[in-house]
Amino acid sequence: MAKTKLKINGMSCQHCVKTVKDALTALEGVQGAKVNLRKGEATVRFNERHVTHANLREAITQAGFETS
């Protein structure tokens, strides 16, 4: 099980937080995600056999936000 933090740009409310969390947890292999609006970041626990960092960033981008 791996854990990573991703910076997310463009979130402005709790609806944004839910959108990002839902996008991340919908990926097969993601065990959990915590999204912090104030810090503008997500902490994600995932199985590296099923999902990559690129997959996580893609999910955030597809949800309408930028990540670095």
PDB file of N, CA and C in Angstrom:
ATOM      1  N   MET A   1       0.848  -1.177   0.000  1.00  0.00           N
ATOM      2  CA  MET A   1       0.000   0.000   0.000  1.00  0.00           C
ATOM      3  C   MET A   1       0.891   1.236   0.000  1.00  0.00           C
ATOM      4  N   ALA A   2       0.635   2.129  -0.926  1.00  0.00           N
ATOM      5  CA  ALA A   2       1.397   3.370  -1.032  1.00  0.00           C
ATOM      6  C   ALA A   2       0.533   4.537  -0.558  1.00  0.00           C
ATOM      7  N   LYS A   3       1.211   5.633  -0.243  1.00  0.00           N
ATOM      8  CA  LYS A   3       0.521   6.841   0.191  1.00  0.00           C
ATOM      9  C   LYS A   3       1.221   8.020  -0.469  1.00  0.00           C
ATOM     10  N   THR A   4       0.438   8.966  -0.978  1.00  0.00           N
ATOM     11  CA  THR A   4       1.020  10.139  -1.613  1.00  0.00           C
ATOM     12  C   THR A   4       0.171  11.368  -1.327  1.00  0.00           C
ATOM     13  N   LYS A   5       0.804  12.536  -1.436  1.00  0.00           N
ATOM     14  CA  LYS A   5       0.091  13.809  -1.333  1.00  0.00           C
ATOM     15  C   LYS A   5       0.180  14.497  -2.680  1.00  0.00           C
ATOM     16  N   LEU A   6      -0.938  15.014  -3.124  1.00  0.00           N
ATOM     17  CA  LEU A   6      -1.007  15.720  -4.399  1.00  0.00           C
ATOM     18  C   LEU A   6      -1.522  17.129  -4.160  1.00  0.00           C
ATOM     19  N   LYS A   7      -0.844  18.117  -4.714  1.00  0.00           N
ATOM     20  CA  LYS A   7      -1.320  19.498  -4.649  1.00  0.00           C
ATOM     21  C   LYS A   7      -2.429  19.660  -5.683  1.00  0.00           C
ATOM     22  N   ILE A   8      -3.497  20.357  -5.299  1.00  0.00           N
ATOM     23  CA  ILE A   8      -4.636  20.556  -6.199  1.00  0.00           C
ATOM     24  C   ILE A   8      -4.952  22.044  -6.254  1.00  0.00           C
ATOM     25  N   ASN A   9      -5.022  22.565  -7.464  1.00  0.00           N
ATOM     26  CA  ASN A   9      -5.349  23.974  -7.679  1.00  0.00           C
ATOM     27  C   ASN A   9      -6.774  24.092  -8.192  1.00  0.00           C
ATOM     28  N   GLY A  10      -7.471  25.142  -7.739  1.00  0.00           N
ATOM     29  CA  GLY A  10      -8.792  25.426  -8.272  1.00  0.00           C
ATOM     30  C   GLY A  10      -9.958  25.069  -7.366  1.00  0.00           C
ATOM     31  N   MET A  11      -9.692  24.439  -6.231  1.00  0.00           N
ATOM     32  CA  MET A  11     -10.795  24.105  -5.315  1.00  0.00           C
ATOM     33  C   MET A  11     -11.176  25.356  -4.525  1.00  0.00           C
ATOM     34  N   SER A  12     -12.488  25.596  -4.394  1.00  0.00           N
ATOM     35  CA  SER A  12     -12.926  26.787  -3.675  1.00  0.00           C
ATOM     36  C   SER A  12     -14.017  26.518  -2.635  1.00  0.00           C
ATOM     37  N   CYS A  13     -14.534  25.276  -2.593  1.00  0.00           N
ATOM     38  CA  CYS A  13     -15.634  24.990  -1.668  1.00  0.00           C
ATOM     39  C   CYS A  13     -15.684  23.493  -1.358  1.00  0.00           C
ATOM     40  N   GLN A  14     -16.593  23.113  -0.476  1.00  0.00           N
ATOM     41  CA  GLN A  14     -16.730  21.711  -0.088  1.00  0.00           C
ATOM     42  C   GLN A  14     -17.249  20.848  -1.242  1.00  0.00           C
ATOM     43  N   HIS A  15     -17.984  21.449  -2.162  1.00  0.00           N
ATOM     44  CA  HIS A  15     -18.431  20.704  -3.345  1.00  0.00           C
ATOM     45  C   HIS A  15     -17.215  20.284  -4.175  1.00  0.00           C
ATOM     46  N   CYS A  16     -16.236  21.174  -4.293  1.00  0.00           N
ATOM     47  CA  CYS A  16     -14.992  20.846  -5.002  1.00  0.00           C
ATOM     48  C   CYS A  16     -14.276  19.690  -4.304  1.00  0.00           C
ATOM     49  N   VAL A  17     -14.217  19.743  -2.985  1.00  0.00           N
ATOM     50  CA  VAL A  17     -13.576  18.684  -2.209  1.00  0.00           C
ATOM     51  C   VAL A  17     -14.248  17.347  -2.490  1.00  0.00           C
ATOM     52  N   LYS A  18     -15.575  17.329  -2.466  1.00  0.00           N
ATOM     53  CA  LYS A  18     -16.313  16.087  -2.720  1.00  0.00           C
ATOM     54  C   LYS A  18     -16.068  15.584  -4.142  1.00  0.00           C
ATOM     55  N   THR A  19     -16.032  16.486  -5.099  1.00  0.00           N
ATOM     56  CA  THR A  19     -15.800  16.102  -6.491  1.00  0.00           C
ATOM     57  C   THR A  19     -14.441  15.430  -6.644  1.00  0.00           C
ATOM     58  N   VAL A  20     -13.416  16.013  -6.049  1.00  0.00           N
ATOM     59  CA  VAL A  20     -12.067  15.440  -6.129  1.00  0.00           C
ATOM     60  C   VAL A  20     -12.012  14.100  -5.410  1.00  0.00           C
ATOM     61  N   LYS A  21     -12.580  14.042  -4.211  1.00  0.00           N
ATOM     62  CA  LYS A  21     -12.568  12.792  -3.445  1.00  0.00           C
ATOM     63  C   LYS A  21     -13.285  11.681  -4.206  1.00  0.00           C
ATOM     64  N   ASP A  22     -14.435  11.989  -4.759  1.00  0.00           N
ATOM     65  CA  ASP A  22     -15.197  10.990  -5.522  1.00  0.00           C
ATOM     66  C   ASP A  22     -14.410  10.511  -6.739  1.00  0.00           C
ATOM     67  N   ALA A  23     -13.731  11.437  -7.424  1.00  0.00           N
ATOM     68  CA  ALA A  23     -12.949  11.072  -8.614  1.00  0.00           C
ATOM     69  C   ALA A  23     -11.807  10.133  -8.239  1.00  0.00           C
ATOM     70  N   LEU A  24     -11.157  10.414  -7.126  1.00  0.00           N
ATOM     71  CA  LEU A  24     -10.034   9.573  -6.694  1.00  0.00           C
ATOM     72  C   LEU A  24     -10.493   8.208  -6.198  1.00  0.00           C
ATOM     73  N   THR A  25     -11.516   8.184  -5.379  1.00  0.00           N
ATOM     74  CA  THR A  25     -11.957   6.910  -4.803  1.00  0.00           C
ATOM     75  C   THR A  25     -12.658   6.019  -5.828  1.00  0.00           C
ATOM     76  N   ALA A  26     -13.049   6.584  -6.964  1.00  0.00           N
ATOM     77  CA  ALA A  26     -13.664   5.776  -8.016  1.00  0.00           C
ATOM     78  C   ALA A  26     -12.629   4.914  -8.745  1.00  0.00           C
ATOM     79  N   LEU A  27     -11.356   5.241  -8.600  1.00  0.00           N
ATOM     80  CA  LEU A  27     -10.307   4.471  -9.264  1.00  0.00           C
ATOM     81  C   LEU A  27     -10.090   3.136  -8.559  1.00  0.00           C
ATOM     82  N   GLU A  28     -10.015   2.076  -9.352  1.00  0.00           N
ATOM     83  CA  GLU A  28      -9.724   0.761  -8.786  1.00  0.00           C
ATOM     84  C   GLU A  28      -8.329   0.794  -8.182  1.00  0.00           C
ATOM     85  N   GLY A  29      -8.218   0.363  -6.949  1.00  0.00           N
ATOM     86  CA  GLY A  29      -6.934   0.336  -6.269  1.00  0.00           C
ATOM     87  C   GLY A  29      -6.757   1.445  -5.248  1.00  0.00           C
ATOM     88  N   VAL A  30      -7.620   2.461  -5.285  1.00  0.00           N
ATOM     89  CA  VAL A  30      -7.549   3.530  -4.291  1.00  0.00           C
ATOM     90  C   VAL A  30      -8.288   3.060  -3.041  1.00  0.00           C
ATOM     91  N   GLN A  31      -7.568   3.036  -1.937  1.00  0.00           N
ATOM     92  CA  GLN A  31      -8.146   2.561  -0.680  1.00  0.00           C
ATOM     93  C   GLN A  31      -8.811   3.681   0.116  1.00  0.00           C
ATOM     94  N   GLY A  32      -8.372   4.907  -0.127  1.00  0.00           N
ATOM     95  CA  GLY A  32      -8.960   6.035   0.584  1.00  0.00           C
ATOM     96  C   GLY A  32      -8.323   7.333   0.146  1.00  0.00           C
ATOM     97  N   ALA A  33      -9.070   8.425   0.311  1.00  0.00           N
ATOM     98  CA  ALA A  33      -8.559   9.742  -0.050  1.00  0.00           C
ATOM     99  C   ALA A  33      -9.108  10.770   0.927  1.00  0.00           C
ATOM    100  N   LYS A  34      -8.219  11.642   1.383  1.00  0.00           N
ATOM    101  CA  LYS A  34      -8.615  12.771   2.223  1.00  0.00           C
ATOM    102  C   LYS A  34      -8.228  14.028   1.463  1.00  0.00           C
ATOM    103  N   VAL A  35      -9.191  14.920   1.274  1.00  0.00           N
ATOM    104  CA  VAL A  35      -8.947  16.142   0.523  1.00  0.00           C
ATOM    105  C   VAL A  35      -9.084  17.323   1.473  1.00  0.00           C
ATOM    106  N   ASN A  36      -8.059  18.176   1.508  1.00  0.00           N
ATOM    107  CA  ASN A  36      -8.023  19.318   2.406  1.00  0.00           C
ATOM    108  C   ASN A  36      -8.147  20.593   1.582  1.00  0.00           C
ATOM    109  N   LEU A  37      -9.260  21.275   1.721  1.00  0.00           N
ATOM    110  CA  LEU A  37      -9.521  22.499   0.965  1.00  0.00           C
ATOM    111  C   LEU A  37      -8.535  23.599   1.347  1.00  0.00           C
ATOM    112  N   ARG A  38      -8.311  23.793   2.625  1.00  0.00           N
ATOM    113  CA  ARG A  38      -7.442  24.867   3.107  1.00  0.00           C
ATOM    114  C   ARG A  38      -6.018  24.717   2.594  1.00  0.00           C
ATOM    115  N   LYS A  39      -5.503  23.487   2.618  1.00  0.00           N
ATOM    116  CA  LYS A  39      -4.135  23.232   2.154  1.00  0.00           C
ATOM    117  C   LYS A  39      -4.061  23.042   0.639  1.00  0.00           C
ATOM    118  N   GLY A  40      -5.205  22.784   0.017  1.00  0.00           N
ATOM    119  CA  GLY A  40      -5.227  22.547  -1.418  1.00  0.00           C
ATOM    120  C   GLY A  40      -4.479  21.280  -1.794  1.00  0.00           C
ATOM    121  N   GLU A  41      -4.770  20.212  -1.052  1.00  0.00           N
ATOM    122  CA  GLU A  41      -4.079  18.955  -1.331  1.00  0.00           C
ATOM    123  C   GLU A  41      -4.953  17.750  -1.008  1.00  0.00           C
ATOM    124  N   ALA A  42      -4.540  16.627  -1.575  1.00  0.00           N
ATOM    125  CA  ALA A  42      -5.209  15.356  -1.303  1.00  0.00           C
ATOM    126  C   ALA A  42      -4.154  14.356  -0.846  1.00  0.00           C
ATOM    127  N   THR A  43      -4.494  13.583   0.163  1.00  0.00           N
ATOM    128  CA  THR A  43      -3.661  12.477   0.610  1.00  0.00           C
ATOM    129  C   THR A  43      -4.385  11.209   0.192  1.00  0.00           C
ATOM    130  N   VAL A  44      -3.693  10.381  -0.580  1.00  0.00           N
ATOM    131  CA  VAL A  44      -4.333   9.207  -1.171  1.00  0.00           C
ATOM    132  C   VAL A  44      -3.576   7.939  -0.784  1.00  0.00           C
ATOM    133  N   ARG A  45      -4.323   6.935  -0.325  1.00  0.00           N
ATOM    134  CA  ARG A  45      -3.763   5.594  -0.075  1.00  0.00           C
ATOM    135  C   ARG A  45      -4.201   4.713  -1.229  1.00  0.00           C
ATOM    136  N   PHE A  46      -3.235   4.027  -1.846  1.00  0.00           N
ATOM    137  CA  PHE A  46      -3.569   3.236  -3.028  1.00  0.00           C
ATOM    138  C   PHE A  46      -2.634   2.049  -3.199  1.00  0.00           C
ATOM    139  N   ASN A  47      -3.106   1.084  -3.980  1.00  0.00           N
ATOM    140  CA  ASN A  47      -2.337  -0.110  -4.315  1.00  0.00           C
ATOM    141  C   ASN A  47      -1.613   0.169  -5.632  1.00  0.00           C
ATOM    142  N   GLU A  48      -0.288   0.184  -5.587  1.00  0.00           N
ATOM    143  CA  GLU A  48       0.516   0.519  -6.769  1.00  0.00           C
ATOM    144  C   GLU A  48       0.379  -0.496  -7.903  1.00  0.00           C
ATOM    145  N   ARG A  49      -0.142  -1.665  -7.615  1.00  0.00           N
ATOM    146  CA  ARG A  49      -0.365  -2.663  -8.666  1.00  0.00           C
ATOM    147  C   ARG A  49      -1.555  -2.316  -9.551  1.00  0.00           C
ATOM    148  N   HIS A  50      -2.458  -1.494  -9.022  1.00  0.00           N
ATOM    149  CA  HIS A  50      -3.691  -1.183  -9.740  1.00  0.00           C
ATOM    150  C   HIS A  50      -3.775   0.252 -10.232  1.00  0.00           C
ATOM    151  N   VAL A  51      -3.060   1.169  -9.600  1.00  0.00           N
ATOM    152  CA  VAL A  51      -3.172   2.585  -9.949  1.00  0.00           C
ATOM    153  C   VAL A  51      -1.800   3.252  -9.808  1.00  0.00           C
ATOM    154  N   THR A  52      -1.529   4.210 -10.692  1.00  0.00           N
ATOM    155  CA  THR A  52      -0.255   4.928 -10.662  1.00  0.00           C
ATOM    156  C   THR A  52      -0.484   6.394 -10.284  1.00  0.00           C
ATOM    157  N   HIS A  53       0.608   7.088 -10.036  1.00  0.00           N
ATOM    158  CA  HIS A  53       0.514   8.528  -9.760  1.00  0.00           C
ATOM    159  C   HIS A  53      -0.117   9.246 -10.953  1.00  0.00           C
ATOM    160  N   ALA A  54       0.224   8.798 -12.156  1.00  0.00           N
ATOM    161  CA  ALA A  54      -0.348   9.402 -13.361  1.00  0.00           C
ATOM    162  C   ALA A  54      -1.864   9.206 -13.400  1.00  0.00           C
ATOM    163  N   ASN A  55      -2.344   8.037 -12.979  1.00  0.00           N
ATOM    164  CA  ASN A  55      -3.791   7.779 -12.925  1.00  0.00           C
ATOM    165  C   ASN A  55      -4.474   8.735 -11.952  1.00  0.00           C
ATOM    166  N   LEU A  56      -3.832   8.969 -10.817  1.00  0.00           N
ATOM    167  CA  LEU A  56      -4.394   9.874  -9.809  1.00  0.00           C
ATOM    168  C   LEU A  56      -4.488  11.296 -10.355  1.00  0.00           C
ATOM    169  N   ARG A  57      -3.408  11.763 -10.978  1.00  0.00           N
ATOM    170  CA  ARG A  57      -3.403  13.112 -11.557  1.00  0.00           C
ATOM    171  C   ARG A  57      -4.441  13.237 -12.674  1.00  0.00           C
ATOM    172  N   GLU A  58      -4.572  12.197 -13.468  1.00  0.00           N
ATOM    173  CA  GLU A  58      -5.562  12.193 -14.563  1.00  0.00           C
ATOM    174  C   GLU A  58      -6.981  12.299 -14.006  1.00  0.00           C
ATOM    175  N   ALA A  59      -7.276  11.586 -12.935  1.00  0.00           N
ATOM    176  CA  ALA A  59      -8.611  11.646 -12.328  1.00  0.00           C
ATOM    177  C   ALA A  59      -8.924  13.049 -11.830  1.00  0.00           C
ATOM    178  N   ILE A  60      -7.943  13.702 -11.247  1.00  0.00           N
ATOM    179  CA  ILE A  60      -8.129  15.069 -10.757  1.00  0.00           C
ATOM    180  C   ILE A  60      -8.363  16.012 -11.927  1.00  0.00           C
ATOM    181  N   THR A  61      -7.587  15.854 -12.987  1.00  0.00           N
ATOM    182  CA  THR A  61      -7.740  16.696 -14.175  1.00  0.00           C
ATOM    183  C   THR A  61      -9.106  16.480 -14.816  1.00  0.00           C
ATOM    184  N   GLN A  62      -9.537  15.221 -14.907  1.00  0.00           N
ATOM    185  CA  GLN A  62     -10.833  14.910 -15.489  1.00  0.00           C
ATOM    186  C   GLN A  62     -11.982  15.495 -14.658  1.00  0.00           C
ATOM    187  N   ALA A  63     -11.737  15.671 -13.356  1.00  0.00           N
ATOM    188  CA  ALA A  63     -12.755  16.264 -12.472  1.00  0.00           C
ATOM    189  C   ALA A  63     -12.798  17.789 -12.612  1.00  0.00           C
ATOM    190  N   GLY A  64     -11.848  18.353 -13.363  1.00  0.00           N
ATOM    191  CA  GLY A  64     -11.880  19.794 -13.622  1.00  0.00           C
ATOM    192  C   GLY A  64     -10.903  20.628 -12.817  1.00  0.00           C
ATOM    193  N   PHE A  65      -9.905  19.972 -12.234  1.00  0.00           N
ATOM    194  CA  PHE A  65      -8.934  20.691 -11.406  1.00  0.00           C
ATOM    195  C   PHE A  65      -7.514  20.437 -11.910  1.00  0.00           C
ATOM    196  N   GLU A  66      -6.596  21.277 -11.466  1.00  0.00           N
ATOM    197  CA  GLU A  66      -5.191  21.125 -11.847  1.00  0.00           C
ATOM    198  C   GLU A  66      -4.417  20.538 -10.678  1.00  0.00           C
ATOM    199  N   THR A  67      -3.409  19.751 -10.994  1.00  0.00           N
ATOM    200  CA  THR A  67      -2.568  19.154  -9.955  1.00  0.00           C
ATOM    201  C   THR A  67      -1.110  19.278 -10.348  1.00  0.00           C
ATOM    202  N   SER A  68      -0.276  19.335  -9.324  1.00  0.00           N
ATOM    203  CA  SER A  68       1.168  19.408  -9.587  1.00  0.00           C
ATOM    204  C   SER A  68       1.903  18.404  -8.738  1.00  0.00           C
TER     205      SER A  68
END
